[in-house]
N, C-alpha and C. Protein backbone atom coordinates (compact mmCIF):
# COMPACT_ATOMS: atom_id res chain seq x y z
N MET A 1 -62.32 -42.94 16.85
CA MET A 1 -63.26 -42.01 16.29
C MET A 1 -62.70 -40.60 16.42
N PRO A 2 -62.84 -39.75 15.38
CA PRO A 2 -62.30 -38.40 15.47
C PRO A 2 -62.97 -37.62 16.59
N THR A 3 -62.20 -36.76 17.25
CA THR A 3 -62.77 -35.97 18.33
C THR A 3 -63.50 -34.74 17.82
N THR A 4 -63.24 -34.35 16.57
CA THR A 4 -63.95 -33.24 15.95
C THR A 4 -64.35 -33.65 14.54
N PRO A 5 -65.38 -33.02 14.00
CA PRO A 5 -65.78 -33.37 12.64
C PRO A 5 -64.73 -32.98 11.62
N ALA A 6 -64.70 -33.72 10.52
CA ALA A 6 -63.76 -33.41 9.43
C ALA A 6 -64.27 -32.18 8.70
N THR A 7 -63.56 -31.09 8.85
CA THR A 7 -63.96 -29.85 8.20
C THR A 7 -62.75 -29.21 7.56
N PRO A 8 -62.97 -28.47 6.47
CA PRO A 8 -61.84 -27.76 5.88
C PRO A 8 -61.23 -26.81 6.89
N GLY A 9 -59.90 -26.68 6.86
CA GLY A 9 -59.23 -25.78 7.79
C GLY A 9 -59.26 -26.31 9.21
N SER A 10 -59.12 -27.59 9.33
CA SER A 10 -59.16 -28.23 10.65
C SER A 10 -58.26 -27.53 11.65
N ALA A 11 -58.74 -27.45 12.88
CA ALA A 11 -57.95 -26.83 13.94
C ALA A 11 -56.96 -27.84 14.52
N ARG A 12 -57.15 -29.11 14.23
CA ARG A 12 -56.25 -30.14 14.75
C ARG A 12 -55.03 -30.26 13.86
N PRO A 13 -53.86 -30.45 14.45
CA PRO A 13 -52.64 -30.62 13.65
C PRO A 13 -52.69 -31.90 12.81
N ALA A 14 -52.06 -31.85 11.65
CA ALA A 14 -52.02 -33.01 10.77
C ALA A 14 -51.40 -34.21 11.47
N ALA A 15 -50.40 -33.99 12.30
CA ALA A 15 -49.73 -35.10 13.00
C ALA A 15 -50.69 -35.84 13.92
N VAL A 16 -51.59 -35.13 14.57
CA VAL A 16 -52.57 -35.76 15.45
C VAL A 16 -53.53 -36.61 14.64
N ILE A 17 -53.99 -36.05 13.54
CA ILE A 17 -54.92 -36.78 12.67
C ILE A 17 -54.23 -38.01 12.08
N ASN A 18 -52.97 -37.84 11.69
CA ASN A 18 -52.19 -38.94 11.14
C ASN A 18 -52.08 -40.10 12.14
N ASP A 19 -51.88 -39.77 13.40
CA ASP A 19 -51.81 -40.81 14.44
C ASP A 19 -53.13 -41.58 14.53
N GLU A 20 -54.26 -40.86 14.41
CA GLU A 20 -55.56 -41.53 14.43
C GLU A 20 -55.72 -42.44 13.22
N ILE A 21 -55.27 -41.96 12.06
CA ILE A 21 -55.35 -42.77 10.84
C ILE A 21 -54.53 -44.04 11.00
N ARG A 22 -53.31 -43.91 11.51
CA ARG A 22 -52.45 -45.08 11.72
C ARG A 22 -53.11 -46.09 12.66
N GLY A 23 -53.68 -45.60 13.74
CA GLY A 23 -54.35 -46.49 14.68
C GLY A 23 -55.53 -47.19 14.05
N LEU A 24 -56.28 -46.48 13.24
CA LEU A 24 -57.43 -47.08 12.57
C LEU A 24 -56.99 -48.15 11.58
N VAL A 25 -55.93 -47.86 10.82
CA VAL A 25 -55.42 -48.82 9.84
C VAL A 25 -54.90 -50.06 10.54
N GLU A 26 -54.15 -49.86 11.63
CA GLU A 26 -53.62 -51.01 12.38
C GLU A 26 -54.74 -51.85 12.97
N GLY A 27 -55.87 -51.21 13.27
CA GLY A 27 -57.02 -51.93 13.82
C GLY A 27 -57.93 -52.53 12.77
N GLY A 28 -57.56 -52.42 11.50
CA GLY A 28 -58.34 -53.02 10.43
C GLY A 28 -59.45 -52.12 9.89
N GLY A 29 -59.36 -50.82 10.15
CA GLY A 29 -60.41 -49.91 9.73
C GLY A 29 -60.20 -49.27 8.37
N LEU A 30 -59.22 -49.76 7.63
CA LEU A 30 -58.94 -49.20 6.31
C LEU A 30 -60.18 -49.35 5.44
N GLY A 31 -60.61 -48.25 4.83
CA GLY A 31 -61.77 -48.28 3.96
C GLY A 31 -63.08 -47.94 4.66
N SER A 32 -63.02 -47.75 5.98
CA SER A 32 -64.23 -47.39 6.71
C SER A 32 -64.57 -45.93 6.47
N ASP A 33 -65.81 -45.55 6.79
CA ASP A 33 -66.21 -44.15 6.66
C ASP A 33 -65.36 -43.26 7.54
N GLU A 34 -65.04 -43.72 8.73
CA GLU A 34 -64.20 -42.94 9.63
C GLU A 34 -62.83 -42.68 9.01
N TYR A 35 -62.26 -43.70 8.38
CA TYR A 35 -60.97 -43.57 7.72
C TYR A 35 -61.04 -42.49 6.63
N LEU A 36 -62.08 -42.53 5.83
CA LEU A 36 -62.22 -41.57 4.75
C LEU A 36 -62.39 -40.15 5.29
N LEU A 37 -63.15 -39.99 6.36
CA LEU A 37 -63.33 -38.67 6.98
C LEU A 37 -62.01 -38.14 7.54
N LEU A 38 -61.24 -39.03 8.15
CA LEU A 38 -59.93 -38.63 8.67
C LEU A 38 -58.99 -38.21 7.55
N LEU A 39 -59.04 -38.90 6.42
CA LEU A 39 -58.20 -38.52 5.29
C LEU A 39 -58.54 -37.12 4.80
N VAL A 40 -59.82 -36.81 4.72
CA VAL A 40 -60.25 -35.48 4.28
C VAL A 40 -59.78 -34.43 5.29
N GLU A 41 -59.95 -34.72 6.58
CA GLU A 41 -59.52 -33.79 7.61
C GLU A 41 -58.00 -33.61 7.59
N TRP A 42 -57.27 -34.71 7.40
CA TRP A 42 -55.81 -34.65 7.35
C TRP A 42 -55.35 -33.78 6.18
N GLU A 43 -55.95 -33.98 5.02
CA GLU A 43 -55.57 -33.19 3.85
C GLU A 43 -55.80 -31.70 4.10
N ALA A 44 -56.93 -31.36 4.70
CA ALA A 44 -57.23 -29.96 5.02
C ALA A 44 -56.20 -29.40 6.00
N ALA A 45 -55.81 -30.19 6.98
CA ALA A 45 -54.84 -29.75 7.98
C ALA A 45 -53.47 -29.54 7.33
N VAL A 46 -53.07 -30.44 6.44
CA VAL A 46 -51.78 -30.30 5.76
C VAL A 46 -51.77 -29.03 4.91
N ARG A 47 -52.85 -28.79 4.20
CA ARG A 47 -52.92 -27.57 3.38
C ARG A 47 -52.87 -26.33 4.25
N SER A 48 -53.60 -26.34 5.34
CA SER A 48 -53.63 -25.20 6.25
C SER A 48 -52.25 -24.95 6.84
N GLU A 49 -51.57 -25.99 7.26
CA GLU A 49 -50.23 -25.85 7.84
C GLU A 49 -49.24 -25.36 6.79
N ALA A 50 -49.38 -25.82 5.56
CA ALA A 50 -48.47 -25.38 4.50
C ALA A 50 -48.71 -23.90 4.19
N THR A 51 -49.95 -23.48 4.21
CA THR A 51 -50.29 -22.08 3.96
C THR A 51 -49.73 -21.21 5.07
N GLN A 52 -49.88 -21.66 6.30
CA GLN A 52 -49.37 -20.89 7.44
C GLN A 52 -47.85 -20.80 7.40
N ALA A 53 -47.19 -21.85 6.95
CA ALA A 53 -45.73 -21.85 6.87
C ALA A 53 -45.23 -20.92 5.77
N ASP A 54 -46.05 -20.74 4.73
CA ASP A 54 -45.66 -19.87 3.61
C ASP A 54 -45.83 -18.39 3.92
N VAL A 55 -46.61 -18.07 4.93
CA VAL A 55 -46.87 -16.68 5.27
C VAL A 55 -45.78 -16.20 6.21
N SER A 56 -45.04 -15.20 5.77
CA SER A 56 -43.98 -14.66 6.62
C SER A 56 -44.55 -13.51 7.45
N PRO A 57 -44.06 -13.36 8.67
CA PRO A 57 -44.56 -12.29 9.53
C PRO A 57 -44.26 -10.91 8.94
N ALA A 58 -45.12 -9.97 9.27
CA ALA A 58 -44.92 -8.59 8.78
C ALA A 58 -43.67 -8.00 9.41
N ALA A 59 -42.98 -7.19 8.64
CA ALA A 59 -41.74 -6.59 9.13
C ALA A 59 -42.01 -5.42 10.06
């Protein structure tokens, strides 16, 4: 079960969420509501991390 709710701009790293997704899939939880919530949270985390990587520090 996710430790935080699936929200846009998740504070959890995508890698952590991905590990939870893998564990859920291996346990037969593919297609469950929890799986779908984790996918939404993972997507938000990936987008957030990509945005942060694109921002260069001020000179």
